[in-house]
Amino acid sequence: MNPIIAVLKENNVSDAQITEVFEALTQNPMAAMTTISQLGLPQDQLQQVMAEVMQNPGLIKEAVDELGLDFSKVEAAKSQYQP
């Protein structure tokens, strides 16, 4: 299982909320940070999830695939934030 999804599940985040987080990541990665911060994760695990999201886009793709979402939206969103 994807480590980001695993941390969320360990903290009793529902499947619907997990899907919502990754849909937000595919549409607007910066706004998704707000969604993640509102999940009520302990501070240390919140920092871990935020670091994974920011530093390892491969994990995002893996999670998006695992959840059956559309990764092409992630690529489109990323291009909006690159100069």
PDB file of N, CA and C in Angstrom:
ATOM      1  N   MET A   1       0.843  -1.187   0.000  1.00  0.00           N
ATOM      2  CA  MET A   1       0.000   0.000   0.000  1.00  0.00           C
ATOM      3  C   MET A   1       0.887   1.249   0.000  1.00  0.00           C
ATOM      4  N   ASN A   2       0.426   2.233  -0.688  1.00  0.00           N
ATOM      5  CA  ASN A   2       1.116   3.518  -0.764  1.00  0.00           C
ATOM      6  C   ASN A   2       1.296   4.080   0.651  1.00  0.00           C
ATOM      7  N   PRO A   3       2.514   4.584   0.984  1.00  0.00           N
ATOM      8  CA  PRO A   3       2.761   5.068   2.348  1.00  0.00           C
ATOM      9  C   PRO A   3       1.903   6.272   2.756  1.00  0.00           C
ATOM     10  N   ILE A   4       1.539   7.113   1.808  1.00  0.00           N
ATOM     11  CA  ILE A   4       0.676   8.249   2.138  1.00  0.00           C
ATOM     12  C   ILE A   4      -0.714   7.725   2.514  1.00  0.00           C
ATOM     13  N   ILE A   5      -1.241   6.809   1.718  1.00  0.00           N
ATOM     14  CA  ILE A   5      -2.545   6.213   2.007  1.00  0.00           C
ATOM     15  C   ILE A   5      -2.481   5.457   3.338  1.00  0.00           C
ATOM     16  N   ALA A   6      -1.375   4.751   3.577  1.00  0.00           N
ATOM     17  CA  ALA A   6      -1.229   3.985   4.816  1.00  0.00           C
ATOM     18  C   ALA A   6      -1.314   4.890   6.046  1.00  0.00           C
ATOM     19  N   VAL A   7      -0.622   6.021   6.019  1.00  0.00           N
ATOM     20  CA  VAL A   7      -0.659   6.953   7.155  1.00  0.00           C
ATOM     21  C   VAL A   7      -2.076   7.478   7.350  1.00  0.00           C
ATOM     22  N   LEU A   8      -2.734   7.805   6.257  1.00  0.00           N
ATOM     23  CA  LEU A   8      -4.097   8.311   6.371  1.00  0.00           C
ATOM     24  C   LEU A   8      -5.026   7.259   6.971  1.00  0.00           C
ATOM     25  N   LYS A   9      -4.902   6.013   6.510  1.00  0.00           N
ATOM     26  CA  LYS A   9      -5.757   4.940   7.025  1.00  0.00           C
ATOM     27  C   LYS A   9      -5.457   4.648   8.498  1.00  0.00           C
ATOM     28  N   GLU A  10      -4.166   4.718   8.883  1.00  0.00           N
ATOM     29  CA  GLU A  10      -3.785   4.502  10.283  1.00  0.00           C
ATOM     30  C   GLU A  10      -4.476   5.509  11.198  1.00  0.00           C
ATOM     31  N   ASN A  11      -4.798   6.669  10.657  1.00  0.00           N
ATOM     32  CA  ASN A  11      -5.425   7.730  11.430  1.00  0.00           C
ATOM     33  C   ASN A  11      -6.929   7.802  11.188  1.00  0.00           C
ATOM     34  N   ASN A  12      -7.477   6.685  10.736  1.00  0.00           N
ATOM     35  CA  ASN A  12      -8.921   6.550  10.550  1.00  0.00           C
ATOM     36  C   ASN A  12      -9.523   7.567   9.590  1.00  0.00           C
ATOM     37  N   VAL A  13      -8.745   7.948   8.577  1.00  0.00           N
ATOM     38  CA  VAL A  13      -9.278   8.804   7.521  1.00  0.00           C
ATOM     39  C   VAL A  13     -10.074   7.893   6.590  1.00  0.00           C
ATOM     40  N   SER A  14     -11.294   8.279   6.298  1.00  0.00           N
ATOM     41  CA  SER A  14     -12.175   7.423   5.492  1.00  0.00           C
ATOM     42  C   SER A  14     -11.682   7.332   4.045  1.00  0.00           C
ATOM     43  N   ASP A  15     -12.125   6.284   3.366  1.00  0.00           N
ATOM     44  CA  ASP A  15     -11.778   6.117   1.950  1.00  0.00           C
ATOM     45  C   ASP A  15     -12.265   7.308   1.132  1.00  0.00           C
ATOM     46  N   ALA A  16     -13.436   7.825   1.487  1.00  0.00           N
ATOM     47  CA  ALA A  16     -13.974   8.986   0.759  1.00  0.00           C
ATOM     48  C   ALA A  16     -13.075  10.205   0.953  1.00  0.00           C
ATOM     49  N   GLN A  17     -12.575  10.411   2.180  1.00  0.00           N
ATOM     50  CA  GLN A  17     -11.681  11.541   2.429  1.00  0.00           C
ATOM     51  C   GLN A  17     -10.344  11.353   1.711  1.00  0.00           C
ATOM     52  N   ILE A  18      -9.850  10.120   1.682  1.00  0.00           N
ATOM     53  CA  ILE A  18      -8.591   9.839   0.980  1.00  0.00           C
ATOM     54  C   ILE A  18      -8.749  10.148  -0.505  1.00  0.00           C
ATOM     55  N   THR A  19      -9.846   9.701  -1.074  1.00  0.00           N
ATOM     56  CA  THR A  19     -10.113   9.989  -2.484  1.00  0.00           C
ATOM     57  C   THR A  19     -10.197  11.500  -2.700  1.00  0.00           C
ATOM     58  N   GLU A  20     -10.852  12.200  -1.786  1.00  0.00           N
ATOM     59  CA  GLU A  20     -10.974  13.657  -1.885  1.00  0.00           C
ATOM     60  C   GLU A  20      -9.600  14.332  -1.864  1.00  0.00           C
ATOM     61  N   VAL A  21      -8.715  13.850  -0.988  1.00  0.00           N
ATOM     62  CA  VAL A  21      -7.357  14.411  -0.906  1.00  0.00           C
ATOM     63  C   VAL A  21      -6.640  14.250  -2.241  1.00  0.00           C
ATOM     64  N   PHE A  22      -6.699  13.050  -2.798  1.00  0.00           N
ATOM     65  CA  PHE A  22      -5.962  12.814  -4.036  1.00  0.00           C
ATOM     66  C   PHE A  22      -6.631  13.458  -5.244  1.00  0.00           C
ATOM     67  N   GLU A  23      -7.945  13.622  -5.214  1.00  0.00           N
ATOM     68  CA  GLU A  23      -8.597  14.400  -6.271  1.00  0.00           C
ATOM     69  C   GLU A  23      -8.144  15.856  -6.182  1.00  0.00           C
ATOM     70  N   ALA A  24      -8.029  16.379  -4.958  1.00  0.00           N
ATOM     71  CA  ALA A  24      -7.542  17.750  -4.780  1.00  0.00           C
ATOM     72  C   ALA A  24      -6.103  17.866  -5.275  1.00  0.00           C
ATOM     73  N   LEU A  25      -5.290  16.845  -4.987  1.00  0.00           N
ATOM     74  CA  LEU A  25      -3.902  16.862  -5.466  1.00  0.00           C
ATOM     75  C   LEU A  25      -3.833  16.856  -6.988  1.00  0.00           C
ATOM     76  N   THR A  26      -4.785  16.189  -7.636  1.00  0.00           N
ATOM     77  CA  THR A  26      -4.760  16.145  -9.099  1.00  0.00           C
ATOM     78  C   THR A  26      -5.235  17.452  -9.707  1.00  0.00           C
ATOM     79  N   GLN A  27      -6.054  18.199  -8.976  1.00  0.00           N
ATOM     80  CA  GLN A  27      -6.611  19.430  -9.530  1.00  0.00           C
ATOM     81  C   GLN A  27      -5.816  20.664  -9.125  1.00  0.00           C
ATOM     82  N   ASN A  28      -5.376  20.725  -7.869  1.00  0.00           N
ATOM     83  CA  ASN A  28      -4.658  21.897  -7.380  1.00  0.00           C
ATOM     84  C   ASN A  28      -3.808  21.482  -6.183  1.00  0.00           C
ATOM     85  N   PRO A  29      -2.568  21.091  -6.437  1.00  0.00           N
ATOM     86  CA  PRO A  29      -1.712  20.581  -5.360  1.00  0.00           C
ATOM     87  C   PRO A  29      -1.552  21.541  -4.187  1.00  0.00           C
ATOM     88  N   MET A  30      -1.518  22.822  -4.440  1.00  0.00           N
ATOM     89  CA  MET A  30      -1.352  23.777  -3.340  1.00  0.00           C
ATOM     90  C   MET A  30      -2.602  23.802  -2.458  1.00  0.00           C
ATOM     91  N   ALA A  31      -3.769  23.793  -3.044  1.00  0.00           N
ATOM     92  CA  ALA A  31      -5.012  23.781  -2.279  1.00  0.00           C
ATOM     93  C   ALA A  31      -5.176  22.458  -1.530  1.00  0.00           C
ATOM     94  N   ALA A  32      -4.624  21.387  -2.059  1.00  0.00           N
ATOM     95  CA  ALA A  32      -4.720  20.084  -1.404  1.00  0.00           C
ATOM     96  C   ALA A  32      -4.033  20.092  -0.045  1.00  0.00           C
ATOM     97  N   MET A  33      -3.025  20.934   0.115  1.00  0.00           N
ATOM     98  CA  MET A  33      -2.332  21.020   1.403  1.00  0.00           C
ATOM     99  C   MET A  33      -3.304  21.448   2.503  1.00  0.00           C
ATOM    100  N   THR A  34      -4.219  22.336   2.175  1.00  0.00           N
ATOM    101  CA  THR A  34      -5.233  22.758   3.146  1.00  0.00           C
ATOM    102  C   THR A  34      -6.133  21.580   3.497  1.00  0.00           C
ATOM    103  N   THR A  35      -6.540  20.827   2.490  1.00  0.00           N
ATOM    104  CA  THR A  35      -7.393  19.657   2.712  1.00  0.00           C
ATOM    105  C   THR A  35      -6.691  18.659   3.622  1.00  0.00           C
ATOM    106  N   ILE A  36      -5.408  18.412   3.361  1.00  0.00           N
ATOM    107  CA  ILE A  36      -4.634  17.462   4.167  1.00  0.00           C
ATOM    108  C   ILE A  36      -4.521  17.956   5.604  1.00  0.00           C
ATOM    109  N   SER A  37      -4.288  19.253   5.770  1.00  0.00           N
ATOM    110  CA  SER A  37      -4.104  19.794   7.121  1.00  0.00           C
ATOM    111  C   SER A  37      -5.390  19.738   7.947  1.00  0.00           C
ATOM    112  N   GLN A  38      -6.536  19.601   7.298  1.00  0.00           N
ATOM    113  CA  GLN A  38      -7.817  19.560   8.001  1.00  0.00           C
ATOM    114  C   GLN A  38      -8.262  18.146   8.368  1.00  0.00           C
ATOM    115  N   LEU A  39      -7.416  17.158   8.138  1.00  0.00           N
ATOM    116  CA  LEU A  39      -7.795  15.772   8.408  1.00  0.00           C
ATOM    117  C   LEU A  39      -7.635  15.374   9.877  1.00  0.00           C
ATOM    118  N   GLY A  40      -7.037  16.242  10.685  1.00  0.00           N
ATOM    119  CA  GLY A  40      -6.870  15.946  12.104  1.00  0.00           C
ATOM    120  C   GLY A  40      -5.744  14.976  12.416  1.00  0.00           C
ATOM    121  N   LEU A  41      -4.734  14.916  11.542  1.00  0.00           N
ATOM    122  CA  LEU A  41      -3.593  14.040  11.790  1.00  0.00           C
ATOM    123  C   LEU A  41      -2.731  14.612  12.907  1.00  0.00           C
ATOM    124  N   PRO A  42      -2.076  13.744  13.703  1.00  0.00           N
ATOM    125  CA  PRO A  42      -1.094  14.245  14.669  1.00  0.00           C
ATOM    126  C   PRO A  42      -0.004  15.025  13.927  1.00  0.00           C
ATOM    127  N   GLN A  43       0.559  16.040  14.574  1.00  0.00           N
ATOM    128  CA  GLN A  43       1.502  16.946  13.916  1.00  0.00           C
ATOM    129  C   GLN A  43       2.653  16.214  13.228  1.00  0.00           C
ATOM    130  N   ASP A  44       3.238  15.205  13.890  1.00  0.00           N
ATOM    131  CA  ASP A  44       4.370  14.505  13.286  1.00  0.00           C
ATOM    132  C   ASP A  44       3.961  13.761  12.012  1.00  0.00           C
ATOM    133  N   GLN A  45       2.779  13.160  12.023  1.00  0.00           N
ATOM    134  CA  GLN A  45       2.334  12.441  10.836  1.00  0.00           C
ATOM    135  C   GLN A  45       1.864  13.408   9.744  1.00  0.00           C
ATOM    136  N   LEU A  46       1.307  14.528  10.143  1.00  0.00           N
ATOM    137  CA  LEU A  46       0.928  15.552   9.172  1.00  0.00           C
ATOM    138  C   LEU A  46       2.165  16.036   8.427  1.00  0.00           C
ATOM    139  N   GLN A  47       3.233  16.304   9.170  1.00  0.00           N
ATOM    140  CA  GLN A  47       4.490  16.737   8.541  1.00  0.00           C
ATOM    141  C   GLN A  47       5.041  15.663   7.616  1.00  0.00           C
ATOM    142  N   GLN A  48       4.932  14.406   8.018  1.00  0.00           N
ATOM    143  CA  GLN A  48       5.406  13.299   7.187  1.00  0.00           C
ATOM    144  C   GLN A  48       4.631  13.243   5.872  1.00  0.00           C
ATOM    145  N   VAL A  49       3.307  13.342   5.947  1.00  0.00           N
ATOM    146  CA  VAL A  49       2.475  13.288   4.740  1.00  0.00           C
ATOM    147  C   VAL A  49       2.782  14.485   3.843  1.00  0.00           C
ATOM    148  N   MET A  50       2.877  15.684   4.429  1.00  0.00           N
ATOM    149  CA  MET A  50       3.177  16.891   3.643  1.00  0.00           C
ATOM    150  C   MET A  50       4.528  16.755   2.939  1.00  0.00           C
ATOM    151  N   ALA A  51       5.525  16.235   3.653  1.00  0.00           N
ATOM    152  CA  ALA A  51       6.856  16.063   3.060  1.00  0.00           C
ATOM    153  C   ALA A  51       6.803  15.075   1.902  1.00  0.00           C
ATOM    154  N   GLU A  52       6.089  13.973   2.078  1.00  0.00           N
ATOM    155  CA  GLU A  52       5.973  12.982   1.008  1.00  0.00           C
ATOM    156  C   GLU A  52       5.303  13.585  -0.215  1.00  0.00           C
ATOM    157  N   VAL A  53       4.234  14.341   0.012  1.00  0.00           N
ATOM    158  CA  VAL A  53       3.496  14.961  -1.094  1.00  0.00           C
ATOM    159  C   VAL A  53       4.391  15.934  -1.850  1.00  0.00           C
ATOM    160  N   MET A  54       5.153  16.738  -1.110  1.00  0.00           N
ATOM    161  CA  MET A  54       5.985  17.773  -1.736  1.00  0.00           C
ATOM    162  C   MET A  54       7.230  17.196  -2.419  1.00  0.00           C
ATOM    163  N   GLN A  55       7.825  16.169  -1.819  1.00  0.00           N
ATOM    164  CA  GLN A  55       9.134  15.707  -2.274  1.00  0.00           C
ATOM    165  C   GLN A  55       9.100  14.473  -3.164  1.00  0.00           C
ATOM    166  N   ASN A  56       7.987  13.782  -3.198  1.00  0.00           N
ATOM    167  CA  ASN A  56       7.978  12.517  -3.931  1.00  0.00           C
ATOM    168  C   ASN A  56       6.732  12.385  -4.802  1.00  0.00           C
ATOM    169  N   PRO A  57       6.716  13.080  -5.937  1.00  0.00           N
ATOM    170  CA  PRO A  57       5.542  13.002  -6.812  1.00  0.00           C
ATOM    171  C   PRO A  57       5.249  11.589  -7.305  1.00  0.00           C
ATOM    172  N   GLY A  58       6.242  10.725  -7.299  1.00  0.00           N
ATOM    173  CA  GLY A  58       6.019   9.340  -7.694  1.00  0.00           C
ATOM    174  C   GLY A  58       5.014   8.645  -6.780  1.00  0.00           C
ATOM    175  N   LEU A  59       5.048   8.998  -5.494  1.00  0.00           N
ATOM    176  CA  LEU A  59       4.085   8.421  -4.561  1.00  0.00           C
ATOM    177  C   LEU A  59       2.680   8.915  -4.842  1.00  0.00           C
ATOM    178  N   ILE A  60       2.561  10.157  -5.298  1.00  0.00           N
ATOM    179  CA  ILE A  60       1.243  10.683  -5.651  1.00  0.00           C
ATOM    180  C   ILE A  60       0.687   9.895  -6.824  1.00  0.00           C
ATOM    181  N   LYS A  61       1.526   9.682  -7.845  1.00  0.00           N
ATOM    182  CA  LYS A  61       1.071   8.917  -9.005  1.00  0.00           C
ATOM    183  C   LYS A  61       0.661   7.511  -8.590  1.00  0.00           C
ATOM    184  N   GLU A  62       1.469   6.904  -7.743  1.00  0.00           N
ATOM    185  CA  GLU A  62       1.176   5.552  -7.261  1.00  0.00           C
ATOM    186  C   GLU A  62      -0.178   5.520  -6.533  1.00  0.00           C
ATOM    187  N   ALA A  63      -0.411   6.497  -5.676  1.00  0.00           N
ATOM    188  CA  ALA A  63      -1.670   6.554  -4.927  1.00  0.00           C
ATOM    189  C   ALA A  63      -2.849   6.816  -5.860  1.00  0.00           C
ATOM    190  N   VAL A  64      -2.650   7.722  -6.805  1.00  0.00           N
ATOM    191  CA  VAL A  64      -3.716   8.037  -7.772  1.00  0.00           C
ATOM    192  C   VAL A  64      -4.078   6.786  -8.560  1.00  0.00           C
ATOM    193  N   ASP A  65      -3.057   6.040  -8.983  1.00  0.00           N
ATOM    194  CA  ASP A  65      -3.312   4.785  -9.700  1.00  0.00           C
ATOM    195  C   ASP A  65      -4.043   3.779  -8.801  1.00  0.00           C
ATOM    196  N   GLU A  66      -3.576   3.678  -7.549  1.00  0.00           N
ATOM    197  CA  GLU A  66      -4.178   2.738  -6.599  1.00  0.00           C
ATOM    198  C   GLU A  66      -5.657   3.068  -6.353  1.00  0.00           C
ATOM    199  N   LEU A  67      -5.974   4.366  -6.374  1.00  0.00           N
ATOM    200  CA  LEU A  67      -7.353   4.799  -6.140  1.00  0.00           C
ATOM    201  C   LEU A  67      -8.185   4.849  -7.421  1.00  0.00           C
ATOM    202  N   GLY A  68      -7.537   4.622  -8.577  1.00  0.00           N
ATOM    203  CA  GLY A  68      -8.250   4.628  -9.844  1.00  0.00           C
ATOM    204  C   GLY A  68      -8.597   6.017 -10.346  1.00  0.00           C
ATOM    205  N   LEU A  69      -7.788   7.011  -9.987  1.00  0.00           N
ATOM    206  CA  LEU A  69      -8.023   8.386 -10.432  1.00  0.00           C
ATOM    207  C   LEU A  69      -7.193   8.680 -11.677  1.00  0.00           C
ATOM    208  N   ASP A  70      -7.338   9.876 -12.228  1.00  0.00           N
ATOM    209  CA  ASP A  70      -6.695  10.266 -13.488  1.00  0.00           C
ATOM    210  C   ASP A  70      -5.434  11.083 -13.220  1.00  0.00           C
ATOM    211  N   PHE A  71      -4.241  10.465 -13.445  1.00  0.00           N
ATOM    212  CA  PHE A  71      -2.979  11.149 -13.168  1.00  0.00           C
ATOM    213  C   PHE A  71      -2.691  12.275 -14.155  1.00  0.00           C
ATOM    214  N   SER A  72      -3.295  12.260 -15.319  1.00  0.00           N
ATOM    215  CA  SER A  72      -3.031  13.328 -16.289  1.00  0.00           C
ATOM    216  C   SER A  72      -3.423  14.689 -15.710  1.00  0.00           C
ATOM    217  N   LYS A  73      -4.396  14.715 -14.795  1.00  0.00           N
ATOM    218  CA  LYS A  73      -4.776  15.966 -14.154  1.00  0.00           C
ATOM    219  C   LYS A  73      -3.657  16.478 -13.253  1.00  0.00           C
ATOM    220  N   VAL A  74      -2.910  15.549 -12.624  1.00  0.00           N
ATOM    221  CA  VAL A  74      -1.758  15.944 -11.805  1.00  0.00           C
ATOM    222  C   VAL A  74      -0.725  16.636 -12.677  1.00  0.00           C
ATOM    223  N   GLU A  75      -0.432  16.042 -13.828  1.00  0.00           N
ATOM    224  CA  GLU A  75       0.554  16.628 -14.738  1.00  0.00           C
ATOM    225  C   GLU A  75       0.109  18.008 -15.207  1.00  0.00           C
ATOM    226  N   ALA A  76      -1.151  18.166 -15.518  1.00  0.00           N
ATOM    227  CA  ALA A  76      -1.669  19.464 -15.953  1.00  0.00           C
ATOM    228  C   ALA A  76      -1.561  20.488 -14.827  1.00  0.00           C
ATOM    229  N   ALA A  77      -1.871  20.082 -13.615  1.00  0.00           N
ATOM    230  CA  ALA A  77      -1.782  20.998 -12.474  1.00  0.00           C
ATOM    231  C   ALA A  77      -0.344  21.390 -12.210  1.00  0.00           C
ATOM    232  N   LYS A  78       0.589  20.425 -12.305  1.00  0.00           N
ATOM    233  CA  LYS A  78       2.000  20.725 -12.091  1.00  0.00           C
ATOM    234  C   LYS A  78       2.493  21.754 -13.081  1.00  0.00           C
ATOM    235  N   SER A  79       2.070  21.658 -14.322  1.00  0.00           N
ATOM    236  CA  SER A  79       2.549  22.589 -15.354  1.00  0.00           C
ATOM    237  C   SER A  79       2.090  24.012 -15.064  1.00  0.00           C
ATOM    238  N   GLN A  80       0.995  24.174 -14.345  1.00  0.00           N
ATOM    239  CA  GLN A  80       0.517  25.510 -13.994  1.00  0.00           C
ATOM    240  C   GLN A  80       1.444  26.197 -12.997  1.00  0.00           C
ATOM    241  N   TYR A  81       2.197  25.414 -12.213  1.00  0.00           N
ATOM    242  CA  TYR A  81       3.035  25.969 -11.151  1.00  0.00           C
ATOM    243  C   TYR A  81       4.494  26.065 -11.525  1.00  0.00           C
ATOM    244  N   GLN A  82       4.853  25.619 -12.706  1.00  0.00           N
ATOM    245  CA  GLN A  82       6.254  25.694 -13.126  1.00  0.00           C
ATOM    246  C   GLN A  82       6.443  26.921 -14.005  1.00  0.00           C
ATOM    247  N   PRO A  83       7.528  27.682 -13.738  1.00  0.00           N
ATOM    248  CA  PRO A  83       7.763  28.895 -14.535  1.00  0.00           C
ATOM    249  C   PRO A  83       8.110  28.598 -15.983  1.00  0.00           C
TER     250      PRO A  83
END
